[in-house]
PDB file of all heavy atoms in Angstrom:
ATOM      1  N   ALA A   1      96.373 121.259 102.369  1.00  0.00           N
ATOM      2  CA  ALA A   1      96.507 122.678 102.702  1.00  0.00           C
ATOM      3  C   ALA A   1      97.959 123.041 102.994  1.00  0.00           C
ATOM      4  O   ALA A   1      98.428 124.123 102.624  1.00  0.00           O
ATOM      5  CB  ALA A   1      95.631 123.020 103.902  1.00  0.00           C
ATOM      6  N   THR A   2      98.683 122.136 103.660  1.00  0.00           N
ATOM      7  CA  THR A   2     100.099 122.394 103.943  1.00  0.00           C
ATOM      8  C   THR A   2     100.906 122.427 102.652  1.00  0.00           C
ATOM      9  O   THR A   2     101.775 123.290 102.467  1.00  0.00           O
ATOM     10  CB  THR A   2     100.652 121.299 104.878  1.00  0.00           C
ATOM     11  OG1 THR A   2      99.897 121.276 106.087  1.00  0.00           O
ATOM     12  CG2 THR A   2     102.121 121.554 105.202  1.00  0.00           C
ATOM     13  N   ARG A   3     100.598 121.517 101.739  1.00  0.00           N
ATOM     14  CA  ARG A   3     101.293 121.495 100.452  1.00  0.00           C
ATOM     15  C   ARG A   3     101.017 122.774  99.661  1.00  0.00           C
ATOM     16  O   ARG A   3     101.927 123.362  99.054  1.00  0.00           O
ATOM     17  CB  ARG A   3     100.857 120.263  99.652  1.00  0.00           C
ATOM     18  CG  ARG A   3     101.646 120.038  98.370  1.00  0.00           C
ATOM     19  CD  ARG A   3     101.107 118.867  97.592  1.00  0.00           C
ATOM     20  NE  ARG A   3     101.261 117.620  98.329  1.00  0.00           N
ATOM     21  CZ  ARG A   3     100.258 116.803  98.651  1.00  0.00           C
ATOM     22  NH1 ARG A   3      99.017 117.106  98.306  1.00  0.00           N
ATOM     23  NH2 ARG A   3     100.496 115.685  99.299  1.00  0.00           N
ATOM     24  N   ASN A   4      99.776 123.231  99.682  1.00  0.00           N
ATOM     25  CA  ASN A   4      99.427 124.459  98.957  1.00  0.00           C
ATOM     26  C   ASN A   4     100.107 125.684  99.565  1.00  0.00           C
ATOM     27  O   ASN A   4     100.494 126.616  98.848  1.00  0.00           O
ATOM     28  CB  ASN A   4      97.910 124.656  98.960  1.00  0.00           C
ATOM     29  CG  ASN A   4      97.182 123.624  98.124  1.00  0.00           C
ATOM     30  OD1 ASN A   4      97.771 122.998  97.237  1.00  0.00           O
ATOM     31  ND2 ASN A   4      95.903 123.420  98.399  1.00  0.00           N
ATOM     32  N   ALA A   5     100.258 125.687 100.892  1.00  0.00           N
ATOM     33  CA  ALA A   5     100.845 126.841 101.575  1.00  0.00           C
ATOM     34  C   ALA A   5     102.352 126.909 101.409  1.00  0.00           C
ATOM     35  O   ALA A   5     102.941 127.995 101.481  1.00  0.00           O
ATOM     36  CB  ALA A   5     100.487 126.809 103.058  1.00  0.00           C
ATOM     37  N   THR A   6     102.992 125.768 101.210  1.00  0.00           N
ATOM     38  CA  THR A   6     104.458 125.728 101.204  1.00  0.00           C
ATOM     39  C   THR A   6     105.078 125.332  99.870  1.00  0.00           C
ATOM     40  O   THR A   6     106.264 125.584  99.657  1.00  0.00           O
ATOM     41  CB  THR A   6     104.953 124.719 102.260  1.00  0.00           C
ATOM     42  OG1 THR A   6     104.502 123.403 101.901  1.00  0.00           O
ATOM     43  CG2 THR A   6     104.439 125.091 103.645  1.00  0.00           C
ATOM     44  N   GLN A   7     104.294 124.691  99.003  1.00  0.00           N
ATOM     45  CA  GLN A   7     104.819 124.148  97.737  1.00  0.00           C
ATOM     46  C   GLN A   7     105.939 123.137  97.989  1.00  0.00           C
ATOM     47  O   GLN A   7     106.893 123.024  97.217  1.00  0.00           O
ATOM     48  CB  GLN A   7     105.327 125.276  96.829  1.00  0.00           C
ATOM     49  CG  GLN A   7     104.276 126.318  96.515  1.00  0.00           C
ATOM     50  CD  GLN A   7     103.033 125.723  95.837  1.00  0.00           C
ATOM     51  OE1 GLN A   7     103.139 125.046  94.821  1.00  0.00           O
ATOM     52  NE2 GLN A   7     101.871 125.973  96.429  1.00  0.00           N
ATOM     53  N   VAL A   8     105.798 122.401  99.094  1.00  0.00           N
ATOM     54  CA  VAL A   8     106.780 121.398  99.507  1.00  0.00           C
ATOM     55  C   VAL A   8     106.066 120.045  99.585  1.00  0.00           C
ATOM     56  O   VAL A   8     104.890 119.990  99.956  1.00  0.00           O
ATOM     57  CB  VAL A   8     107.374 121.773 100.885  1.00  0.00           C
ATOM     58  CG1 VAL A   8     108.153 120.624 101.507  1.00  0.00           C
ATOM     59  CG2 VAL A   8     108.264 123.008 100.757  1.00  0.00           C
ATOM     60  N   PRO A   9     106.722 118.923  99.248  1.00  0.00           N
ATOM     61  CA  PRO A   9     106.098 117.604  99.439  1.00  0.00           C
ATOM     62  C   PRO A   9     105.718 117.380 100.898  1.00  0.00           C
ATOM     63  O   PRO A   9     106.506 117.665 101.799  1.00  0.00           O
ATOM     64  CB  PRO A   9     107.194 116.627  99.001  1.00  0.00           C
ATOM     65  CG  PRO A   9     108.057 117.411  98.074  1.00  0.00           C
ATOM     66  CD  PRO A   9     108.039 118.820  98.601  1.00  0.00           C
ATOM     67  N   VAL A  10     104.494 116.873 101.141  1.00  0.00           N
ATOM     68  CA  VAL A  10     103.987 116.677 102.494  1.00  0.00           C
ATOM     69  C   VAL A  10     103.521 115.233 102.639  1.00  0.00           C
ATOM     70  O   VAL A  10     102.832 114.706 101.761  1.00  0.00           O
ATOM     71  CB  VAL A  10     102.811 117.639 102.806  1.00  0.00           C
ATOM     72  CG1 VAL A  10     102.359 117.470 104.263  1.00  0.00           C
ATOM     73  CG2 VAL A  10     103.221 119.088 102.542  1.00  0.00           C
ATOM     74  N   TYR A  11     103.885 114.605 103.771  1.00  0.00           N
ATOM     75  CA  TYR A  11     103.583 113.195 103.999  1.00  0.00           C
ATOM     76  C   TYR A  11     102.903 113.016 105.357  1.00  0.00           C
ATOM     77  O   TYR A  11     103.155 113.768 106.303  1.00  0.00           O
ATOM     78  CB  TYR A  11     104.864 112.346 103.964  1.00  0.00           C
ATOM     79  CG  TYR A  11     105.646 112.460 102.681  1.00  0.00           C
ATOM     80  CD1 TYR A  11     106.726 113.349 102.580  1.00  0.00           C
ATOM     81  CD2 TYR A  11     105.322 111.693 101.571  1.00  0.00           C
ATOM     82  CE1 TYR A  11     107.453 113.462 101.404  1.00  0.00           C
ATOM     83  CE2 TYR A  11     106.045 111.796 100.392  1.00  0.00           C
ATOM     84  CZ  TYR A  11     107.102 112.685 100.307  1.00  0.00           C
ATOM     85  OH  TYR A  11     107.817 112.789  99.153  1.00  0.00           O
ATOM     86  N   PHE A  12     102.055 111.994 105.429  1.00  0.00           N
ATOM     87  CA  PHE A  12     101.347 111.649 106.669  1.00  0.00           C
ATOM     88  C   PHE A  12     102.252 110.803 107.552  1.00  0.00           C
ATOM     89  O   PHE A  12     102.775 109.774 107.130  1.00  0.00           O
ATOM     90  CB  PHE A  12     100.083 110.872 106.311  1.00  0.00           C
ATOM     91  CG  PHE A  12      99.221 110.479 107.480  1.00  0.00           C
ATOM     92  CD1 PHE A  12      98.984 111.354 108.528  1.00  0.00           C
ATOM     93  CD2 PHE A  12      98.612 109.227 107.520  1.00  0.00           C
ATOM     94  CE1 PHE A  12      98.173 110.998 109.603  1.00  0.00           C
ATOM     95  CE2 PHE A  12      97.797 108.856 108.571  1.00  0.00           C
ATOM     96  CZ  PHE A  12      97.580 109.744 109.612  1.00  0.00           C
ATOM     97  N   LEU A  13     102.459 111.236 108.798  1.00  0.00           N
ATOM     98  CA  LEU A  13     103.272 110.497 109.762  1.00  0.00           C
ATOM     99  C   LEU A  13     102.553 110.479 111.106  1.00  0.00           C
ATOM    100  O   LEU A  13     102.689 111.398 111.912  1.00  0.00           O
ATOM    101  CB  LEU A  13     104.663 111.123 109.916  1.00  0.00           C
ATOM    102  CG  LEU A  13     105.658 110.279 110.717  1.00  0.00           C
ATOM    103  CD1 LEU A  13     106.249 109.175 109.837  1.00  0.00           C
ATOM    104  CD2 LEU A  13     106.776 111.139 111.295  1.00  0.00           C
ATOM    105  N   PRO A  14     101.743 109.441 111.377  1.00  0.00           N
ATOM    106  CA  PRO A  14     101.033 109.381 112.660  1.00  0.00           C
ATOM    107  C   PRO A  14     102.009 109.237 113.827  1.00  0.00           C
ATOM    108  O   PRO A  14     103.152 108.800 113.659  1.00  0.00           O
ATOM    109  CB  PRO A  14     100.167 108.118 112.524  1.00  0.00           C
ATOM    110  CG  PRO A  14     100.195 107.747 111.074  1.00  0.00           C
ATOM    111  CD  PRO A  14     101.473 108.276 110.530  1.00  0.00           C
ATOM    112  N   PHE A  15     101.539 109.594 115.010  1.00  0.00           N
ATOM    113  CA  PHE A  15     102.334 109.393 116.212  1.00  0.00           C
ATOM    114  C   PHE A  15     102.523 107.900 116.462  1.00  0.00           C
ATOM    115  O   PHE A  15     101.688 107.069 116.089  1.00  0.00           O
ATOM    116  CB  PHE A  15     101.654 110.022 117.427  1.00  0.00           C
ATOM    117  CG  PHE A  15     101.635 111.523 117.404  1.00  0.00           C
ATOM    118  CD1 PHE A  15     100.462 112.215 117.140  1.00  0.00           C
ATOM    119  CD2 PHE A  15     102.796 112.248 117.645  1.00  0.00           C
ATOM    120  CE1 PHE A  15     100.439 113.602 117.122  1.00  0.00           C
ATOM    121  CE2 PHE A  15     102.788 113.637 117.625  1.00  0.00           C
ATOM    122  CZ  PHE A  15     101.597 114.308 117.357  1.00  0.00           C
ATOM    123  N   GLY A  16     103.634 107.560 117.099  1.00  0.00           N
ATOM    124  CA  GLY A  16     103.913 106.172 117.463  1.00  0.00           C
ATOM    125  C   GLY A  16     104.225 106.074 118.943  1.00  0.00           C
ATOM    126  O   GLY A  16     103.906 106.968 119.732  1.00  0.00           O
ATOM    127  N   ALA A  17     104.863 104.968 119.320  1.00  0.00           N
ATOM    128  CA  ALA A  17     105.272 104.752 120.715  1.00  0.00           C
ATOM    129  C   ALA A  17     106.508 103.861 120.716  1.00  0.00           C
ATOM    130  O   ALA A  17     106.770 103.149 119.745  1.00  0.00           O
ATOM    131  CB  ALA A  17     104.151 104.114 121.519  1.00  0.00           C
ATOM    132  N   ASP A  18     107.252 103.899 121.806  1.00  0.00           N
ATOM    133  CA  ASP A  18     108.449 103.061 121.951  1.00  0.00           C
ATOM    134  C   ASP A  18     108.026 101.722 122.538  1.00  0.00           C
ATOM    135  O   ASP A  18     108.044 101.518 123.751  1.00  0.00           O
ATOM    136  CB  ASP A  18     109.469 103.751 122.851  1.00  0.00           C
ATOM    137  CG  ASP A  18     110.803 103.010 122.899  1.00  0.00           C
ATOM    138  OD1 ASP A  18     110.882 101.871 122.404  1.00  0.00           O
ATOM    139  OD2 ASP A  18     111.769 103.575 123.440  1.00  0.00           O
ATOM    140  N   CYS A  19     107.658 100.799 121.652  1.00  0.00           N
ATOM    141  CA  CYS A  19     107.143  99.499 122.105  1.00  0.00           C
ATOM    142  C   CYS A  19     108.238  98.624 122.711  1.00  0.00           C
ATOM    143  O   CYS A  19     107.960  97.831 123.617  1.00  0.00           O
ATOM    144  CB  CYS A  19     106.473  98.768 120.944  1.00  0.00           C
ATOM    145  SG  CYS A  19     105.036  99.635 120.279  1.00  0.00           S
ATOM    146  N   LEU A  20     109.448  98.727 122.224  1.00  0.00           N
ATOM    147  CA  LEU A  20     110.528  97.918 122.799  1.00  0.00           C
ATOM    148  C   LEU A  20     110.750  98.259 124.261  1.00  0.00           C
ATOM    149  O   LEU A  20     111.130  97.400 125.060  1.00  0.00           O
ATOM    150  CB  LEU A  20     111.826  98.130 122.014  1.00  0.00           C
ATOM    151  CG  LEU A  20     111.951  97.439 120.659  1.00  0.00           C
ATOM    152  CD1 LEU A  20     113.323  97.698 120.049  1.00  0.00           C
ATOM    153  CD2 LEU A  20     111.698  95.935 120.770  1.00  0.00           C
ATOM    154  N   LYS A  21     110.495  99.495 124.619  1.00  0.00           N
ATOM    155  CA  LYS A  21     110.749  99.931 125.995  1.00  0.00           C
ATOM    156  C   LYS A  21     109.522  99.782 126.886  1.00  0.00           C
ATOM    157  O   LYS A  21     109.648  99.434 128.064  1.00  0.00           O
ATOM    158  CB  LYS A  21     111.196 101.394 125.989  1.00  0.00           C
ATOM    159  CG  LYS A  21     111.632 101.916 127.351  1.00  0.00           C
ATOM    160  CD  LYS A  21     112.243 103.302 127.222  1.00  0.00           C
ATOM    161  CE  LYS A  21     112.782 103.806 128.552  1.00  0.00           C
ATOM    162  NZ  LYS A  21     113.392 105.147 128.430  1.00  0.00           N
ATOM    163  N   TYR A  22     108.331 100.014 126.346  1.00  0.00           N
ATOM    164  CA  TYR A  22     107.167 100.163 127.221  1.00  0.00           C
ATOM    165  C   TYR A  22     106.049  99.139 127.021  1.00  0.00           C
ATOM    166  O   TYR A  22     105.135  99.089 127.842  1.00  0.00           O
ATOM    167  CB  TYR A  22     106.559 101.560 127.038  1.00  0.00           C
ATOM    168  CG  TYR A  22     107.461 102.686 127.470  1.00  0.00           C
ATOM    169  CD1 TYR A  22     107.878 103.656 126.568  1.00  0.00           C
ATOM    170  CD2 TYR A  22     107.891 102.783 128.787  1.00  0.00           C
ATOM    171  CE1 TYR A  22     108.699 104.704 126.966  1.00  0.00           C
ATOM    172  CE2 TYR A  22     108.711 103.822 129.196  1.00  0.00           C
ATOM    173  CZ  TYR A  22     109.116 104.783 128.277  1.00  0.00           C
ATOM    174  OH  TYR A  22     109.932 105.810 128.673  1.00  0.00           O
ATOM    175  N   SER A  23     106.070  98.357 125.949  1.00  0.00           N
ATOM    176  CA  SER A  23     104.916  97.496 125.684  1.00  0.00           C
ATOM    177  C   SER A  23     104.821  96.330 126.651  1.00  0.00           C
ATOM    178  O   SER A  23     105.812  95.637 126.909  1.00  0.00           O
ATOM    179  CB  SER A  23     104.978  96.954 124.254  1.00  0.00           C
ATOM    180  OG  SER A  23     104.574  97.931 123.344  1.00  0.00           O
ATOM    181  N   LYS A  24     103.604  96.126 127.167  1.00  0.00           N
ATOM    182  CA  LYS A  24     103.326  94.988 128.048  1.00  0.00           C
ATOM    183  C   LYS A  24     101.875  94.565 127.861  1.00  0.00           C
ATOM    184  O   LYS A  24     100.982  95.399 127.744  1.00  0.00           O
ATOM    185  CB  LYS A  24     103.550  95.345 129.521  1.00  0.00           C
ATOM    186  CG  LYS A  24     105.002  95.455 129.936  1.00  0.00           C
ATOM    187  CD  LYS A  24     105.102  95.712 131.434  1.00  0.00           C
ATOM    188  CE  LYS A  24     106.564  95.822 131.886  1.00  0.00           C
ATOM    189  NZ  LYS A  24     106.663  96.094 133.339  1.00  0.00           N
ATOM    190  N   ALA A  25     101.659  93.253 127.835  1.00  0.00           N
ATOM    191  CA  ALA A  25     100.293  92.706 127.867  1.00  0.00           C
ATOM    192  C   ALA A  25     100.266  91.751 129.048  1.00  0.00           C
ATOM    193  O   ALA A  25     100.627  90.593 128.930  1.00  0.00           O
ATOM    194  CB  ALA A  25      99.966  91.995 126.558  1.00  0.00           C
TER     195      ALA A  25
END
């Protein structure tokens, strides 16, 4: 729908996190 509305290439980019700073197990 975004591609149809804008005629621009559209790509999927999920949210991430700063693992180097915050990751802990």
